Every structure is written in C-alpha cells, then in structure tokens.
Amino acid sequence: MADLSLVKNALDTMKKIEHVIDVSLVSRGGLFVLGEVPKGVHEETYAAMSAILLGAAETTSAEMKDSLNHVSVKMTERNVLLLSGGNRYLLTITTDGKENCEDVIKTAVQIISKVDLNI
C-alpha cells in the first residue's frame, strides 16, 4: 500500500466534501484499515458488513453481466456509500443524506485515484 500518511491525507480531504461525515478505508476481507466510522458504531462490525455488502453487490452485478458503480445504503438520516478501492480495499463514505451521491462519488474517486493503494 502507499505511504499511510498519503492515504490518511486523501481520506481527510474526502471528509471535507460537502455532506460527508465520515470516510474509512476497509480491506476486502472486512478489516478496518484507516479513517473514521460513524460515532457509536463498532469499527469491526462496520468494516465487516461494508465488505460483505460490496462483495454481494459485485457478485450480483457479475451474474447480471454488468459493472458495479457503487453501493448506496439510504437511511432516514444518513447514507453510506461503498466504493471499490481495487482488489484489496474499499471506501466507506457516510453522508448526511442530503447529498447528490454521484457528485460525492466523483469527487472521492478523483481524490483517491491520486494515491497508489498498490492494487
């Protein structure tokens, strides 16, 4: 993986995107790597469930012979966006639920693409 300070800086920059509350990097195996999860949430559970959700969505899209863009979990007060970070990682982005998720995703991808996750 790239220098962790570069990854941390990228996550901190993503957190400054309008409507973004928390951003974290999670391994595909469901281990929390870096960043922040929502307050009051167990880091390990959040990371594991995020990896499971993204993996299930990728399997579904592969079965349907299509490509997955992202996973969006819409709740009453917040949303969680899950993005592939390549073969080893995924990004979780918690928002305030008022965002245009496509804009948040586009900006987040621009930021993280500058960091080599050694994928």
C-alpha atoms as a PDB file:
ATOM      1  CA  MET A   1       0.000   0.000   0.000  1.00  0.00           C
ATOM      2  CA  ALA A   2       1.051   3.571  -0.465  1.00  0.00           C
ATOM      3  CA  ASP A   3       2.525   5.540   2.407  1.00  0.00           C
ATOM      4  CA  LEU A   4      -0.217   5.558   5.056  1.00  0.00           C
ATOM      5  CA  SER A   5       0.174   9.304   5.540  1.00  0.00           C
ATOM      6  CA  LEU A   6      -0.802   9.840   1.878  1.00  0.00           C
ATOM      7  CA  VAL A   7      -3.859   7.619   2.284  1.00  0.00           C
ATOM      8  CA  LYS A   8      -4.813   9.400   5.514  1.00  0.00           C
ATOM      9  CA  ASN A   9      -4.467  12.773   3.780  1.00  0.00           C
ATOM     10  CA  ALA A  10      -6.729  11.563   0.963  1.00  0.00           C
ATOM     11  CA  LEU A  11      -9.359  10.375   3.471  1.00  0.00           C
ATOM     12  CA  ASP A  12      -9.129  13.686   5.344  1.00  0.00           C
ATOM     13  CA  THR A  13      -9.624  15.544   2.057  1.00  0.00           C
ATOM     14  CA  MET A  14     -12.671  13.401   1.253  1.00  0.00           C
ATOM     15  CA  LYS A  15     -14.133  14.208   4.645  1.00  0.00           C
ATOM     16  CA  LYS A  16     -14.158  17.876   3.596  1.00  0.00           C
ATOM     17  CA  ILE A  17     -16.532  17.131   0.703  1.00  0.00           C
ATOM     18  CA  GLU A  18     -19.881  18.799   1.329  1.00  0.00           C
ATOM     19  CA  HIS A  19     -22.322  16.484   3.176  1.00  0.00           C
ATOM     20  CA  VAL A  20     -19.634  13.888   4.046  1.00  0.00           C
ATOM     21  CA  ILE A  21     -19.495  12.912   7.723  1.00  0.00           C
ATOM     22  CA  ASP A  22     -17.019  10.009   7.863  1.00  0.00           C
ATOM     23  CA  VAL A  23     -14.701   8.199   5.458  1.00  0.00           C
ATOM     24  CA  SER A  24     -12.807   4.963   6.028  1.00  0.00           C
ATOM     25  CA  LEU A  25     -10.641   2.505   4.164  1.00  0.00           C
ATOM     26  CA  VAL A  26     -11.557  -1.152   4.716  1.00  0.00           C
ATOM     27  CA  SER A  27      -9.886  -4.303   3.462  1.00  0.00           C
ATOM     28  CA  ARG A  28     -11.860  -6.609   1.168  1.00  0.00           C
ATOM     29  CA  GLY A  29     -11.657  -9.142   3.994  1.00  0.00           C
ATOM     30  CA  GLY A  30     -13.619  -6.763   6.215  1.00  0.00           C
ATOM     31  CA  LEU A  31     -10.858  -5.340   8.399  1.00  0.00           C
ATOM     32  CA  PHE A  32     -10.835  -1.668   9.310  1.00  0.00           C
ATOM     33  CA  VAL A  33      -7.655  -0.064   7.976  1.00  0.00           C
ATOM     34  CA  LEU A  34      -7.811   3.707   8.375  1.00  0.00           C
ATOM     35  CA  GLY A  35     -10.156   6.642   8.757  1.00  0.00           C
ATOM     36  CA  GLU A  36     -13.286   7.158  10.814  1.00  0.00           C
ATOM     37  CA  VAL A  37     -16.562   5.298  11.198  1.00  0.00           C
ATOM     38  CA  PRO A  38     -19.804   6.843  12.453  1.00  0.00           C
ATOM     39  CA  LYS A  39     -19.842   7.682  16.160  1.00  0.00           C
ATOM     40  CA  GLY A  40     -21.209   4.907  18.324  1.00  0.00           C
ATOM     41  CA  VAL A  41     -20.625   2.246  15.680  1.00  0.00           C
ATOM     42  CA  HIS A  42     -18.321  -0.707  16.279  1.00  0.00           C
ATOM     43  CA  GLU A  43     -15.389  -0.306  13.892  1.00  0.00           C
ATOM     44  CA  GLU A  44     -15.009  -4.044  13.316  1.00  0.00           C
ATOM     45  CA  THR A  45     -18.697  -4.663  12.616  1.00  0.00           C
ATOM     46  CA  TYR A  46     -18.977  -1.653  10.324  1.00  0.00           C
ATOM     47  CA  ALA A  47     -15.930  -2.729   8.320  1.00  0.00           C
ATOM     48  CA  ALA A  48     -17.024  -6.356   8.042  1.00  0.00           C
ATOM     49  CA  MET A  49     -20.599  -5.536   6.998  1.00  0.00           C
ATOM     50  CA  SER A  50     -19.383  -2.957   4.474  1.00  0.00           C
ATOM     51  CA  ALA A  51     -17.116  -5.550   2.852  1.00  0.00           C
ATOM     52  CA  ILE A  52     -19.960  -8.089   2.774  1.00  0.00           C
ATOM     53  CA  LEU A  53     -22.384  -5.609   1.192  1.00  0.00           C
ATOM     54  CA  LEU A  54     -19.928  -4.555  -1.506  1.00  0.00           C
ATOM     55  CA  GLY A  55     -18.926  -8.158  -2.199  1.00  0.00           C
ATOM     56  CA  ALA A  56     -22.560  -9.242  -2.541  1.00  0.00           C
ATOM     57  CA  ALA A  57     -23.297  -6.348  -4.894  1.00  0.00           C
ATOM     58  CA  GLU A  58     -20.251  -7.175  -7.026  1.00  0.00           C
ATOM     59  CA  THR A  59     -21.299 -10.820  -7.238  1.00  0.00           C
ATOM     60  CA  THR A  60     -24.821  -9.775  -8.252  1.00  0.00           C
ATOM     61  CA  SER A  61     -23.557  -7.395 -10.922  1.00  0.00           C
ATOM     62  CA  ALA A  62     -21.195 -10.067 -12.294  1.00  0.00           C
ATOM     63  CA  GLU A  63     -24.069 -12.555 -12.506  1.00  0.00           C
ATOM     64  CA  MET A  64     -26.063  -9.934 -14.382  1.00  0.00           C
ATOM     65  CA  LYS A  65     -23.098  -9.335 -16.733  1.00  0.00           C
ATOM     66  CA  ASP A  66     -22.861  -5.699 -15.685  1.00  0.00           C
ATOM     67  CA  SER A  67     -20.385  -3.493 -13.817  1.00  0.00           C
ATOM     68  CA  LEU A  68     -20.950  -2.134 -10.333  1.00  0.00           C
ATOM     69  CA  ASN A  69     -20.575   1.603  -9.864  1.00  0.00           C
ATOM     70  CA  HIS A  70     -21.191   1.831  -6.112  1.00  0.00           C
ATOM     71  CA  VAL A  71     -23.452   0.633  -3.321  1.00  0.00           C
ATOM     72  CA  SER A  72     -25.691   3.162  -1.627  1.00  0.00           C
ATOM     73  CA  VAL A  73     -27.429   2.395   1.657  1.00  0.00           C
ATOM     74  CA  LYS A  74     -30.129   5.011   2.219  1.00  0.00           C
ATOM     75  CA  MET A  75     -31.371   5.519   5.738  1.00  0.00           C
ATOM     76  CA  THR A  76     -33.698   8.116   7.212  1.00  0.00           C
ATOM     77  CA  GLU A  77     -30.965  10.457   8.425  1.00  0.00           C
ATOM     78  CA  ARG A  78     -27.748   9.267   6.769  1.00  0.00           C
ATOM     79  CA  ASN A  79     -26.482   7.364   3.789  1.00  0.00           C
ATOM     80  CA  VAL A  80     -23.492   5.081   3.371  1.00  0.00           C
ATOM     81  CA  LEU A  81     -21.707   4.904   0.029  1.00  0.00           C
ATOM     82  CA  LEU A  82     -19.438   1.943  -0.649  1.00  0.00           C
ATOM     83  CA  LEU A  83     -16.846   2.198  -3.415  1.00  0.00           C
ATOM     84  CA  SER A  84     -14.336  -0.300  -4.683  1.00  0.00           C
ATOM     85  CA  GLY A  85     -10.744   0.563  -3.922  1.00  0.00           C
ATOM     86  CA  GLY A  86      -9.474  -2.172  -6.211  1.00  0.00           C
ATOM     87  CA  ASN A  87      -8.645  -5.773  -5.385  1.00  0.00           C
ATOM     88  CA  ARG A  88      -7.672  -5.164  -1.762  1.00  0.00           C
ATOM     89  CA  TYR A  89      -9.698  -2.262  -0.390  1.00  0.00           C
ATOM     90  CA  LEU A  90     -12.993  -0.431  -0.369  1.00  0.00           C
ATOM     91  CA  LEU A  91     -14.013   3.034   0.729  1.00  0.00           C
ATOM     92  CA  THR A  92     -16.933   3.723   3.021  1.00  0.00           C
ATOM     93  CA  ILE A  93     -18.380   7.214   2.966  1.00  0.00           C
ATOM     94  CA  THR A  94     -21.067   8.246   5.437  1.00  0.00           C
ATOM     95  CA  THR A  95     -23.099  11.295   4.409  1.00  0.00           C
ATOM     96  CA  ASP A  96     -25.810  13.419   5.967  1.00  0.00           C
ATOM     97  CA  GLY A  97     -28.387  12.086   3.479  1.00  0.00           C
ATOM     98  CA  LYS A  98     -28.744  15.422   1.684  1.00  0.00           C
ATOM     99  CA  GLU A  99     -26.042  14.779  -0.891  1.00  0.00           C
ATOM    100  CA  ASN A 100     -26.092  14.091  -4.570  1.00  0.00           C
ATOM    101  CA  CYS A 101     -24.278  10.766  -4.258  1.00  0.00           C
ATOM    102  CA  GLU A 102     -22.931  10.935  -7.813  1.00  0.00           C
ATOM    103  CA  ASP A 103     -21.155  14.218  -7.019  1.00  0.00           C
ATOM    104  CA  VAL A 104     -19.700  12.840  -3.783  1.00  0.00           C
ATOM    105  CA  ILE A 105     -18.535   9.680  -5.543  1.00  0.00           C
ATOM    106  CA  LYS A 106     -16.981  11.582  -8.444  1.00  0.00           C
ATOM    107  CA  THR A 107     -15.015  13.830  -6.090  1.00  0.00           C
ATOM    108  CA  ALA A 108     -13.962  10.931  -3.838  1.00  0.00           C
ATOM    109  CA  VAL A 109     -12.727   8.914  -6.824  1.00  0.00           C
ATOM    110  CA  GLN A 110     -10.708  11.898  -8.064  1.00  0.00           C
ATOM    111  CA  ILE A 111      -9.072  12.221  -4.650  1.00  0.00           C
ATOM    112  CA  ILE A 112      -8.290   8.542  -4.037  1.00  0.00           C
ATOM    113  CA  SER A 113      -7.084   7.964  -7.608  1.00  0.00           C
ATOM    114  CA  LYS A 114      -4.085  10.164  -6.801  1.00  0.00           C
ATOM    115  CA  VAL A 115      -3.000   7.676  -4.122  1.00  0.00           C
ATOM    116  CA  ASP A 116      -1.446   4.364  -5.159  1.00  0.00           C
ATOM    117  CA  LEU A 117      -3.081   1.725  -2.970  1.00  0.00           C
ATOM    118  CA  ASN A 118      -0.772  -0.833  -4.613  1.00  0.00           C
ATOM    119  CA  ILE A 119      -3.699  -2.703  -6.034  1.00  0.00           C
END
